[in-house]
Amino acid sequence: MNKYVELKTGDIIIFTKNSGTGSFTTVTDKGTYFMPAKKETRLNGTKIPIAKNEPFIFTGSKLLYVKGTHRIIRIELTRLKTKQTCYVSEYNMHKYFGRPENQLSYLNSYL
């Protein structure tokens, strides 16, 4: 698995950490976000844990803010298991997700 690669819309990525170390959290009237399983960073909302090697589809990204070398990028993923979309930060994308060499093997397990 490559650490830093260019993602294209429709690419399959997987959750690389252990099951339960992250979840999709839906906050009423705010949307659905990826949240790591850390007490100080939890949002109040409905949580659906993510399994290790669970596949997602990269559906796009949007640059929200840039100042000097600091930037905020909103990355959108679609969960194949539930067809639910969520937003992930660039930092959490690099830390918790990766693009496998053979994307089809992960996709076939959810079709």
N, C-alpha and C. Protein backbone atom coordinates (compact mmCIF):
# COMPACT_ATOMS: atom_id res chain seq x y z
N MET A 1 0.84 -1.17 0.00
CA MET A 1 0.00 0.00 0.00
C MET A 1 0.89 1.24 0.00
N ASN A 2 0.58 2.18 -0.88
CA ASN A 2 1.36 3.41 -0.99
C ASN A 2 0.86 4.44 0.01
N LYS A 3 1.80 5.11 0.67
CA LYS A 3 1.43 6.10 1.68
C LYS A 3 0.84 7.36 1.04
N TYR A 4 1.54 7.94 0.06
CA TYR A 4 1.06 9.15 -0.58
C TYR A 4 0.90 8.91 -2.07
N VAL A 5 -0.33 8.90 -2.52
CA VAL A 5 -0.64 8.74 -3.94
C VAL A 5 -1.74 9.73 -4.30
N GLU A 6 -1.81 10.08 -5.56
CA GLU A 6 -2.89 10.95 -6.01
C GLU A 6 -4.16 10.11 -6.13
N LEU A 7 -5.21 10.58 -5.49
CA LEU A 7 -6.50 9.88 -5.57
C LEU A 7 -7.33 10.52 -6.67
N LYS A 8 -8.05 9.67 -7.38
CA LYS A 8 -8.96 10.13 -8.41
C LYS A 8 -10.38 9.76 -7.97
N THR A 9 -11.35 10.54 -8.39
CA THR A 9 -12.74 10.24 -8.06
C THR A 9 -13.07 8.82 -8.49
N GLY A 10 -13.64 8.05 -7.57
CA GLY A 10 -13.99 6.66 -7.85
C GLY A 10 -12.97 5.65 -7.35
N ASP A 11 -11.79 6.11 -6.90
CA ASP A 11 -10.79 5.20 -6.36
C ASP A 11 -11.30 4.54 -5.09
N ILE A 12 -10.93 3.28 -4.90
CA ILE A 12 -11.25 2.54 -3.68
C ILE A 12 -10.13 2.78 -2.68
N ILE A 13 -10.51 3.15 -1.47
CA ILE A 13 -9.54 3.26 -0.38
C ILE A 13 -10.05 2.38 0.76
N ILE A 14 -9.17 2.02 1.67
CA ILE A 14 -9.57 1.16 2.79
C ILE A 14 -9.16 1.79 4.12
N PHE A 15 -9.88 1.39 5.15
CA PHE A 15 -9.57 1.79 6.52
C PHE A 15 -8.43 0.89 6.99
N THR A 16 -7.29 1.45 7.31
CA THR A 16 -6.09 0.65 7.59
C THR A 16 -5.88 0.33 9.07
N LYS A 17 -6.60 0.96 9.95
CA LYS A 17 -6.41 0.72 11.39
C LYS A 17 -7.30 -0.42 11.87
N ASN A 18 -7.17 -0.78 13.13
CA ASN A 18 -7.99 -1.86 13.70
C ASN A 18 -9.46 -1.49 13.76
N SER A 19 -10.30 -2.50 13.70
CA SER A 19 -11.75 -2.30 13.79
C SER A 19 -12.10 -1.53 15.06
N GLY A 20 -13.00 -0.56 14.93
CA GLY A 20 -13.45 0.20 16.08
C GLY A 20 -12.61 1.41 16.44
N THR A 21 -11.49 1.64 15.76
CA THR A 21 -10.65 2.81 16.09
C THR A 21 -11.13 4.06 15.37
N GLY A 22 -12.19 3.94 14.59
CA GLY A 22 -12.80 5.08 13.92
C GLY A 22 -14.25 4.77 13.62
N SER A 23 -15.04 5.82 13.41
CA SER A 23 -16.45 5.61 13.10
C SER A 23 -16.97 6.75 12.24
N PHE A 24 -18.10 6.49 11.58
CA PHE A 24 -18.88 7.54 10.93
C PHE A 24 -19.81 8.06 12.01
N THR A 25 -19.78 9.36 12.25
CA THR A 25 -20.63 9.96 13.27
C THR A 25 -21.56 10.96 12.59
N THR A 26 -22.86 10.73 12.74
CA THR A 26 -23.86 11.61 12.15
C THR A 26 -24.36 12.56 13.23
N VAL A 27 -24.18 13.86 12.97
CA VAL A 27 -24.61 14.90 13.89
C VAL A 27 -25.84 15.57 13.29
N THR A 28 -26.91 15.64 14.06
CA THR A 28 -28.17 16.22 13.58
C THR A 28 -27.95 17.62 13.02
N ASP A 29 -28.45 17.85 11.83
CA ASP A 29 -28.39 19.15 11.13
C ASP A 29 -26.97 19.60 10.77
N LYS A 30 -25.98 18.73 10.89
CA LYS A 30 -24.59 19.11 10.57
C LYS A 30 -23.97 18.21 9.51
N GLY A 31 -24.38 16.94 9.43
CA GLY A 31 -23.81 16.02 8.46
C GLY A 31 -23.14 14.84 9.13
N THR A 32 -22.42 14.09 8.31
CA THR A 32 -21.74 12.89 8.78
C THR A 32 -20.24 13.08 8.63
N TYR A 33 -19.49 12.74 9.67
CA TYR A 33 -18.05 12.96 9.71
C TYR A 33 -17.33 11.72 10.19
N PHE A 34 -16.10 11.55 9.75
CA PHE A 34 -15.24 10.50 10.30
C PHE A 34 -14.70 11.01 11.62
N MET A 35 -14.73 10.14 12.63
CA MET A 35 -14.18 10.49 13.94
C MET A 35 -13.31 9.37 14.46
N PRO A 36 -12.07 9.68 14.85
CA PRO A 36 -11.25 8.66 15.50
C PRO A 36 -11.81 8.36 16.89
N ALA A 37 -11.51 7.19 17.41
CA ALA A 37 -12.02 6.78 18.73
C ALA A 37 -11.14 7.35 19.84
N LYS A 38 -11.22 8.65 20.03
CA LYS A 38 -10.49 9.34 21.09
C LYS A 38 -11.49 10.17 21.87
N LYS A 39 -11.42 10.08 23.18
CA LYS A 39 -12.40 10.77 24.03
C LYS A 39 -12.46 12.27 23.76
N GLU A 40 -11.32 12.91 23.61
CA GLU A 40 -11.32 14.37 23.49
C GLU A 40 -11.75 14.87 22.12
N THR A 41 -11.93 13.98 21.15
CA THR A 41 -12.32 14.42 19.82
C THR A 41 -13.68 13.89 19.38
N ARG A 42 -14.46 13.36 20.27
CA ARG A 42 -15.74 12.76 19.90
C ARG A 42 -16.83 13.81 19.73
N LEU A 43 -17.64 13.61 18.71
CA LEU A 43 -18.82 14.44 18.49
C LEU A 43 -20.03 13.72 19.06
N ASN A 44 -21.02 14.46 19.50
CA ASN A 44 -22.26 13.86 19.96
C ASN A 44 -23.11 13.54 18.73
N GLY A 45 -23.46 12.28 18.58
CA GLY A 45 -24.26 11.87 17.44
C GLY A 45 -24.31 10.36 17.34
N THR A 46 -24.90 9.87 16.26
CA THR A 46 -25.00 8.44 16.03
C THR A 46 -23.71 7.93 15.40
N LYS A 47 -23.10 6.94 16.05
CA LYS A 47 -21.81 6.42 15.60
C LYS A 47 -21.96 5.03 14.98
N ILE A 48 -21.29 4.81 13.84
CA ILE A 48 -21.24 3.50 13.21
C ILE A 48 -19.77 3.15 13.05
N PRO A 49 -19.25 2.21 13.86
CA PRO A 49 -17.83 1.85 13.81
C PRO A 49 -17.40 1.33 12.45
N ILE A 50 -16.11 1.49 12.14
CA ILE A 50 -15.54 1.05 10.87
C ILE A 50 -14.65 -0.17 11.13
N ALA A 51 -14.76 -1.17 10.26
CA ALA A 51 -13.96 -2.40 10.36
C ALA A 51 -12.63 -2.24 9.63
N LYS A 52 -11.62 -2.93 10.10
CA LYS A 52 -10.31 -2.94 9.44
C LYS A 52 -10.48 -3.44 8.01
N ASN A 53 -9.83 -2.77 7.07
CA ASN A 53 -9.86 -3.07 5.63
C ASN A 53 -11.22 -2.86 4.98
N GLU A 54 -12.11 -2.15 5.65
CA GLU A 54 -13.41 -1.85 5.04
C GLU A 54 -13.20 -0.86 3.89
N PRO A 55 -13.80 -1.13 2.71
CA PRO A 55 -13.57 -0.25 1.55
C PRO A 55 -14.52 0.95 1.50
N PHE A 56 -14.00 2.02 0.92
CA PHE A 56 -14.74 3.26 0.70
C PHE A 56 -14.41 3.75 -0.71
N ILE A 57 -15.25 4.61 -1.24
CA ILE A 57 -14.98 5.24 -2.53
C ILE A 57 -14.64 6.70 -2.28
N PHE A 58 -13.53 7.15 -2.87
CA PHE A 58 -13.15 8.55 -2.80
C PHE A 58 -14.04 9.30 -3.79
N THR A 59 -14.87 10.21 -3.28
CA THR A 59 -15.81 10.91 -4.16
C THR A 59 -15.45 12.37 -4.41
N GLY A 60 -14.38 12.84 -3.81
CA GLY A 60 -13.92 14.19 -4.11
C GLY A 60 -13.35 14.91 -2.91
N SER A 61 -12.86 16.12 -3.18
CA SER A 61 -12.31 16.95 -2.10
C SER A 61 -12.53 18.42 -2.46
N LYS A 62 -12.49 19.25 -1.42
CA LYS A 62 -12.68 20.68 -1.61
C LYS A 62 -11.72 21.43 -0.71
N LEU A 63 -11.00 22.37 -1.29
CA LEU A 63 -10.09 23.21 -0.53
C LEU A 63 -10.92 24.29 0.17
N LEU A 64 -10.93 24.29 1.49
CA LEU A 64 -11.75 25.22 2.25
C LEU A 64 -11.00 26.48 2.69
N TYR A 65 -9.68 26.34 2.92
CA TYR A 65 -8.93 27.47 3.48
C TYR A 65 -7.44 27.30 3.17
N VAL A 66 -6.78 28.39 2.80
CA VAL A 66 -5.33 28.38 2.60
C VAL A 66 -4.76 29.68 3.13
N LYS A 67 -3.71 29.56 3.93
CA LYS A 67 -2.97 30.73 4.38
C LYS A 67 -1.52 30.30 4.56
N GLY A 68 -0.65 30.77 3.71
CA GLY A 68 0.75 30.35 3.75
C GLY A 68 0.86 28.86 3.46
N THR A 69 1.45 28.12 4.37
CA THR A 69 1.59 26.67 4.19
C THR A 69 0.48 25.90 4.89
N HIS A 70 -0.43 26.59 5.54
CA HIS A 70 -1.54 25.95 6.26
C HIS A 70 -2.75 25.85 5.32
N ARG A 71 -3.38 24.68 5.29
CA ARG A 71 -4.58 24.51 4.46
C ARG A 71 -5.55 23.57 5.14
N ILE A 72 -6.82 23.74 4.79
CA ILE A 72 -7.86 22.84 5.27
C ILE A 72 -8.57 22.27 4.05
N ILE A 73 -8.56 20.96 3.95
CA ILE A 73 -9.19 20.27 2.83
C ILE A 73 -10.28 19.35 3.39
N ARG A 74 -11.47 19.43 2.78
CA ARG A 74 -12.57 18.54 3.16
C ARG A 74 -12.61 17.41 2.12
N ILE A 75 -12.42 16.19 2.56
CA ILE A 75 -12.40 15.02 1.70
C ILE A 75 -13.70 14.25 1.90
N GLU A 76 -14.34 13.87 0.80
CA GLU A 76 -15.61 13.16 0.88
C GLU A 76 -15.41 11.70 0.48
N LEU A 77 -15.92 10.81 1.34
CA LEU A 77 -15.85 9.37 1.11
C LEU A 77 -17.26 8.79 1.12
N THR A 78 -17.47 7.73 0.35
CA THR A 78 -18.73 6.99 0.40
C THR A 78 -18.44 5.61 0.93
N ARG A 79 -19.16 5.22 1.94
CA ARG A 79 -19.00 3.91 2.57
C ARG A 79 -19.78 2.88 1.75
N LEU A 80 -19.10 1.87 1.23
CA LEU A 80 -19.75 0.87 0.39
C LEU A 80 -20.79 0.06 1.16
N LYS A 81 -20.52 -0.19 2.42
CA LYS A 81 -21.40 -1.02 3.25
C LYS A 81 -22.80 -0.41 3.40
N THR A 82 -22.88 0.91 3.54
CA THR A 82 -24.16 1.58 3.80
C THR A 82 -24.53 2.62 2.75
N LYS A 83 -23.64 2.89 1.80
CA LYS A 83 -23.83 3.94 0.76
C LYS A 83 -23.92 5.34 1.38
N GLN A 84 -23.43 5.48 2.59
CA GLN A 84 -23.45 6.75 3.32
C GLN A 84 -22.19 7.53 2.99
N THR A 85 -22.29 8.85 2.85
CA THR A 85 -21.12 9.67 2.60
C THR A 85 -20.72 10.39 3.88
N CYS A 86 -19.43 10.71 3.98
CA CYS A 86 -18.96 11.46 5.13
C CYS A 86 -17.78 12.32 4.72
N TYR A 87 -17.41 13.23 5.62
CA TYR A 87 -16.26 14.10 5.41
C TYR A 87 -15.13 13.68 6.33
N VAL A 88 -13.92 13.79 5.80
CA VAL A 88 -12.73 13.42 6.56
C VAL A 88 -11.69 14.52 6.35
N SER A 89 -10.91 14.81 7.36
CA SER A 89 -9.84 15.81 7.21
C SER A 89 -8.65 15.19 6.49
N GLU A 90 -7.81 16.03 5.94
CA GLU A 90 -6.61 15.54 5.25
C GLU A 90 -5.72 14.76 6.21
N TYR A 91 -5.56 15.25 7.42
CA TYR A 91 -4.73 14.58 8.42
C TYR A 91 -5.25 13.17 8.70
N ASN A 92 -6.58 13.05 8.98
CA ASN A 92 -7.15 11.74 9.28
C ASN A 92 -7.16 10.83 8.06
N MET A 93 -7.27 11.40 6.89
CA MET A 93 -7.20 10.59 5.66
C MET A 93 -5.85 9.88 5.58
N HIS A 94 -4.78 10.62 5.82
CA HIS A 94 -3.43 10.03 5.76
C HIS A 94 -3.19 9.04 6.90
N LYS A 95 -3.75 9.32 8.06
CA LYS A 95 -3.50 8.50 9.25
C LYS A 95 -4.31 7.20 9.27
N TYR A 96 -5.54 7.23 8.79
CA TYR A 96 -6.45 6.09 8.96
C TYR A 96 -6.82 5.34 7.66
N PHE A 97 -6.51 5.91 6.52
CA PHE A 97 -6.93 5.31 5.26
C PHE A 97 -5.76 5.15 4.31
N GLY A 98 -5.89 4.23 3.36
CA GLY A 98 -4.86 4.03 2.36
C GLY A 98 -5.48 3.45 1.09
N ARG A 99 -4.76 3.59 -0.01
CA ARG A 99 -5.24 3.03 -1.27
C ARG A 99 -4.50 1.72 -1.53
N PRO A 100 -5.23 0.61 -1.62
CA PRO A 100 -4.58 -0.69 -1.86
C PRO A 100 -4.10 -0.82 -3.29
N GLU A 101 -3.10 -1.68 -3.50
CA GLU A 101 -2.59 -1.93 -4.85
C GLU A 101 -3.68 -2.54 -5.72
N ASN A 102 -4.39 -3.54 -5.20
CA ASN A 102 -5.44 -4.22 -5.94
C ASN A 102 -6.79 -3.78 -5.38
N GLN A 103 -7.36 -2.75 -5.98
CA GLN A 103 -8.61 -2.19 -5.48
C GLN A 103 -9.79 -3.13 -5.67
N LEU A 104 -9.80 -3.92 -6.73
CA LEU A 104 -10.93 -4.78 -7.03
C LEU A 104 -11.15 -5.87 -5.99
N SER A 105 -10.08 -6.37 -5.38
CA SER A 105 -10.25 -7.42 -4.37
C SER A 105 -11.06 -6.91 -3.17
N TYR A 106 -10.93 -5.66 -2.81
CA TYR A 106 -11.69 -5.08 -1.71
C TYR A 106 -13.11 -4.76 -2.14
N LEU A 107 -13.27 -4.34 -3.39
CA LEU A 107 -14.58 -4.01 -3.91
C LEU A 107 -15.46 -5.24 -4.04
N ASN A 108 -14.91 -6.35 -4.50
CA ASN A 108 -15.67 -7.57 -4.71
C ASN A 108 -16.25 -8.14 -3.41
N SER A 109 -15.61 -7.88 -2.28
CA SER A 109 -16.12 -8.41 -1.01
C SER A 109 -17.39 -7.69 -0.54
N TYR A 110 -17.71 -6.54 -1.15
CA TYR A 110 -18.90 -5.78 -0.76
C TYR A 110 -19.96 -5.72 -1.84
N LEU A 111 -19.75 -6.42 -2.95
CA LEU A 111 -20.77 -6.43 -4.02
C LEU A 111 -21.64 -7.65 -3.95
